Amino acid sequence: AIAEFMHGFITPQQLRPDAMNNQQLQAAVTDLGLTYGLATRWTAFVAVSRQRYNAAPDGNVEADVALPMVAGVSRLAYNKPAMTGYAAPEPGMWLGLMVALLTWNWFRRKNHDRQLGGRFVTDHIKS
């Protein structure tokens, strides 16, 4: 029954045979899960032990615990450095910097030419 309800989520509402909306489908799946003790998309079950394992939790000491390496996994999968890659900027960053520099230079020259009355700088240089 849960499979049919879950299939209803991917079926457009007007094509569903029972015309249930998503909230009704979710409620039906949740009810089935709770009634029969099933884990569904909206239900989960937590196992709680009645036995007390640590009578004095205030005396706990935190420590790193070494985990065994998983068989078949390369050593490169462990202890990765915090920063990967290269220190140089990406090519897109270089392009952006170049465009910004050229735009700044263009505005600077345009403003400088305006201050000279529209004449080129080379007109004022005499050998």
C-alpha atoms as a PDB file:
ATOM      1  CA  ALA A   1       0.000   0.000   0.000  1.00  0.00           C
ATOM      2  CA  ILE A   2       2.858   2.396   0.773  1.00  0.00           C
ATOM      3  CA  ALA A   3       4.306   1.835  -2.696  1.00  0.00           C
ATOM      4  CA  GLU A   4       1.013   2.920  -4.305  1.00  0.00           C
ATOM      5  CA  PHE A   5       0.820   6.026  -2.132  1.00  0.00           C
ATOM      6  CA  MET A   6       4.435   6.912  -2.897  1.00  0.00           C
ATOM      7  CA  HIS A   7       3.759   6.416  -6.610  1.00  0.00           C
ATOM      8  CA  GLY A   8       0.988   8.972  -6.211  1.00  0.00           C
ATOM      9  CA  PHE A   9       3.590  11.641  -5.419  1.00  0.00           C
ATOM     10  CA  ILE A  10       5.083  11.386  -8.902  1.00  0.00           C
ATOM     11  CA  THR A  11       1.689  11.180 -10.602  1.00  0.00           C
ATOM     12  CA  PRO A  12       0.031  14.502 -11.516  1.00  0.00           C
ATOM     13  CA  GLN A  13      -2.906  15.125  -9.182  1.00  0.00           C
ATOM     14  CA  GLN A  14      -5.521  15.139 -11.959  1.00  0.00           C
ATOM     15  CA  LEU A  15      -4.341  11.654 -13.078  1.00  0.00           C
ATOM     16  CA  ARG A  16      -4.435  10.051  -9.613  1.00  0.00           C
ATOM     17  CA  PRO A  17      -7.242   7.489  -9.401  1.00  0.00           C
ATOM     18  CA  ASP A  18      -8.186   8.436  -5.821  1.00  0.00           C
ATOM     19  CA  ALA A  19      -7.695  12.226  -6.364  1.00  0.00           C
ATOM     20  CA  MET A  20      -5.685  12.583  -3.129  1.00  0.00           C
ATOM     21  CA  ASN A  21      -3.517  15.668  -2.719  1.00  0.00           C
ATOM     22  CA  ASN A  22       0.071  15.500  -1.449  1.00  0.00           C
ATOM     23  CA  GLN A  23      -0.861  16.251   2.169  1.00  0.00           C
ATOM     24  CA  GLN A  24      -3.404  13.399   2.170  1.00  0.00           C
ATOM     25  CA  LEU A  25      -0.848  11.031   0.640  1.00  0.00           C
ATOM     26  CA  GLN A  26       1.716  12.003   3.279  1.00  0.00           C
ATOM     27  CA  ALA A  27      -0.809  11.444   6.082  1.00  0.00           C
ATOM     28  CA  ALA A  28      -1.775   8.016   4.689  1.00  0.00           C
ATOM     29  CA  VAL A  29       1.867   6.892   4.412  1.00  0.00           C
ATOM     30  CA  THR A  30       2.645   8.196   7.917  1.00  0.00           C
ATOM     31  CA  ASP A  31      -0.402   6.404   9.382  1.00  0.00           C
ATOM     32  CA  LEU A  32       0.621   3.118   7.768  1.00  0.00           C
ATOM     33  CA  GLY A  33       4.177   3.512   9.020  1.00  0.00           C
ATOM     34  CA  LEU A  34       3.091   4.217  12.589  1.00  0.00           C
ATOM     35  CA  THR A  35       0.422   1.513  12.601  1.00  0.00           C
ATOM     36  CA  TYR A  36       2.672  -1.275  11.346  1.00  0.00           C
ATOM     37  CA  GLY A  37       6.032  -0.047  12.710  1.00  0.00           C
ATOM     38  CA  LEU A  38       7.519   0.759   9.297  1.00  0.00           C
ATOM     39  CA  ALA A  39      10.165   3.331   8.502  1.00  0.00           C
ATOM     40  CA  THR A  40       8.821   5.635   5.801  1.00  0.00           C
ATOM     41  CA  ARG A  41       9.829   8.959   4.339  1.00  0.00           C
ATOM     42  CA  TRP A  42       8.127  10.733   7.269  1.00  0.00           C
ATOM     43  CA  THR A  43       8.632   8.255  10.099  1.00  0.00           C
ATOM     44  CA  ALA A  44      11.749   7.045  11.866  1.00  0.00           C
ATOM     45  CA  PHE A  45      12.322   4.853  14.850  1.00  0.00           C
ATOM     46  CA  VAL A  46      14.917   5.353  17.542  1.00  0.00           C
ATOM     47  CA  ALA A  47      16.089   2.497  19.729  1.00  0.00           C
ATOM     48  CA  VAL A  48      16.546   3.530  23.357  1.00  0.00           C
ATOM     49  CA  SER A  49      18.220   1.256  25.865  1.00  0.00           C
ATOM     50  CA  ARG A  50      17.026   1.260  29.479  1.00  0.00           C
ATOM     51  CA  GLN A  51      20.487   0.286  30.702  1.00  0.00           C
ATOM     52  CA  ARG A  52      22.645   3.158  31.951  1.00  0.00           C
ATOM     53  CA  TYR A  53      26.165   2.946  30.508  1.00  0.00           C
ATOM     54  CA  ASN A  54      27.740   6.017  32.097  1.00  0.00           C
ATOM     55  CA  ALA A  55      26.579   6.767  35.620  1.00  0.00           C
ATOM     56  CA  ALA A  56      28.825   9.875  35.943  1.00  0.00           C
ATOM     57  CA  PRO A  57      28.821  11.738  32.604  1.00  0.00           C
ATOM     58  CA  ASP A  58      30.459  14.830  34.172  1.00  0.00           C
ATOM     59  CA  GLY A  59      33.753  12.952  34.410  1.00  0.00           C
ATOM     60  CA  ASN A  60      33.930  12.250  30.681  1.00  0.00           C
ATOM     61  CA  VAL A  61      37.116  13.142  28.854  1.00  0.00           C
ATOM     62  CA  GLU A  62      36.941  14.075  25.178  1.00  0.00           C
ATOM     63  CA  ALA A  63      39.543  12.438  22.957  1.00  0.00           C
ATOM     64  CA  ASP A  64      40.109  11.825  19.280  1.00  0.00           C
ATOM     65  CA  VAL A  65      39.445   8.241  18.300  1.00  0.00           C
ATOM     66  CA  ALA A  66      41.391   6.758  15.435  1.00  0.00           C
ATOM     67  CA  LEU A  67      39.134   4.967  12.984  1.00  0.00           C
ATOM     68  CA  PRO A  68      40.375   1.989  11.002  1.00  0.00           C
ATOM     69  CA  MET A  69      40.812   2.524   7.276  1.00  0.00           C
ATOM     70  CA  VAL A  70      38.175   0.928   5.096  1.00  0.00           C
ATOM     71  CA  ALA A  71      39.418  -1.980   3.010  1.00  0.00           C
ATOM     72  CA  GLY A  72      39.848  -1.090  -0.643  1.00  0.00           C
ATOM     73  CA  VAL A  73      39.899   2.685  -0.055  1.00  0.00           C
ATOM     74  CA  SER A  74      43.027   4.590  -1.054  1.00  0.00           C
ATOM     75  CA  ARG A  75      45.080   6.460   1.556  1.00  0.00           C
ATOM     76  CA  LEU A  76      44.347   9.628  -0.410  1.00  0.00           C
ATOM     77  CA  ALA A  77      40.782   9.527   0.944  1.00  0.00           C
ATOM     78  CA  TYR A  78      42.038  10.247   4.479  1.00  0.00           C
ATOM     79  CA  ASN A  79      43.517  13.368   6.065  1.00  0.00           C
ATOM     80  CA  LYS A  80      42.838  15.722   3.199  1.00  0.00           C
ATOM     81  CA  PRO A  81      44.336  19.181   3.654  1.00  0.00           C
ATOM     82  CA  ALA A  82      41.950  22.009   4.465  1.00  0.00           C
ATOM     83  CA  MET A  83      42.774  23.869   1.239  1.00  0.00           C
ATOM     84  CA  THR A  84      43.045  22.109  -2.072  1.00  0.00           C
ATOM     85  CA  GLY A  85      43.928  23.404  -5.491  1.00  0.00           C
ATOM     86  CA  TYR A  86      46.433  26.033  -6.492  1.00  0.00           C
ATOM     87  CA  ALA A  87      47.235  29.441  -5.061  1.00  0.00           C
ATOM     88  CA  ALA A  88      46.953  31.156  -8.465  1.00  0.00           C
ATOM     89  CA  PRO A  89      43.628  32.685  -9.520  1.00  0.00           C
ATOM     90  CA  GLU A  90      41.403  30.865 -11.972  1.00  0.00           C
ATOM     91  CA  PRO A  91      41.573  31.890 -15.664  1.00  0.00           C
ATOM     92  CA  GLY A  92      38.180  33.557 -15.344  1.00  0.00           C
ATOM     93  CA  MET A  93      39.558  35.707 -12.542  1.00  0.00           C
ATOM     94  CA  TRP A  94      42.484  36.786 -14.735  1.00  0.00           C
ATOM     95  CA  LEU A  95      40.052  37.723 -17.495  1.00  0.00           C
ATOM     96  CA  GLY A  96      37.924  39.717 -15.058  1.00  0.00           C
ATOM     97  CA  LEU A  97      40.970  41.539 -13.721  1.00  0.00           C
ATOM     98  CA  MET A  98      42.131  42.339 -17.252  1.00  0.00           C
ATOM     99  CA  VAL A  99      38.700  43.702 -18.239  1.00  0.00           C
ATOM    100  CA  ALA A 100      38.588  45.804 -15.069  1.00  0.00           C
ATOM    101  CA  LEU A 101      42.090  47.161 -15.683  1.00  0.00           C
ATOM    102  CA  LEU A 102      41.347  48.019 -19.310  1.00  0.00           C
ATOM    103  CA  THR A 103      38.068  49.707 -18.335  1.00  0.00           C
ATOM    104  CA  TRP A 104      39.800  51.720 -15.608  1.00  0.00           C
ATOM    105  CA  ASN A 105      42.563  52.759 -18.036  1.00  0.00           C
ATOM    106  CA  TRP A 106      40.004  53.778 -20.668  1.00  0.00           C
ATOM    107  CA  PHE A 107      38.112  56.001 -18.186  1.00  0.00           C
ATOM    108  CA  ARG A 108      41.368  57.462 -16.884  1.00  0.00           C
ATOM    109  CA  ARG A 109      42.549  58.400 -20.391  1.00  0.00           C
ATOM    110  CA  LYS A 110      39.132  59.733 -21.340  1.00  0.00           C
ATOM    111  CA  ASN A 111      39.103  61.985 -18.269  1.00  0.00           C
ATOM    112  CA  HIS A 112      42.688  63.097 -18.940  1.00  0.00           C
ATOM    113  CA  ASP A 113      41.856  63.960 -22.571  1.00  0.00           C
ATOM    114  CA  ARG A 114      38.810  65.922 -21.413  1.00  0.00           C
ATOM    115  CA  GLN A 115      41.015  67.973 -19.100  1.00  0.00           C
ATOM    116  CA  LEU A 116      43.228  68.868 -22.081  1.00  0.00           C
ATOM    117  CA  GLY A 117      40.268  70.104 -24.082  1.00  0.00           C
ATOM    118  CA  GLY A 118      39.877  66.991 -26.187  1.00  0.00           C
ATOM    119  CA  ARG A 119      43.403  67.166 -27.624  1.00  0.00           C
ATOM    120  CA  PHE A 120      45.685  64.191 -27.546  1.00  0.00           C
ATOM    121  CA  VAL A 121      48.505  64.168 -25.039  1.00  0.00           C
ATOM    122  CA  THR A 122      51.035  63.849 -27.859  1.00  0.00           C
ATOM    123  CA  ASP A 123      50.002  67.291 -29.180  1.00  0.00           C
ATOM    124  CA  HIS A 124      51.526  68.898 -26.046  1.00  0.00           C
ATOM    125  CA  ILE A 125      54.807  67.079 -26.118  1.00  0.00           C
ATOM    126  CA  LYS A 126      57.534  68.986 -27.950  1.00  0.00           C
ATOM    127  CA  SER A 127      60.862  67.463 -28.763  1.00  0.00           C
END
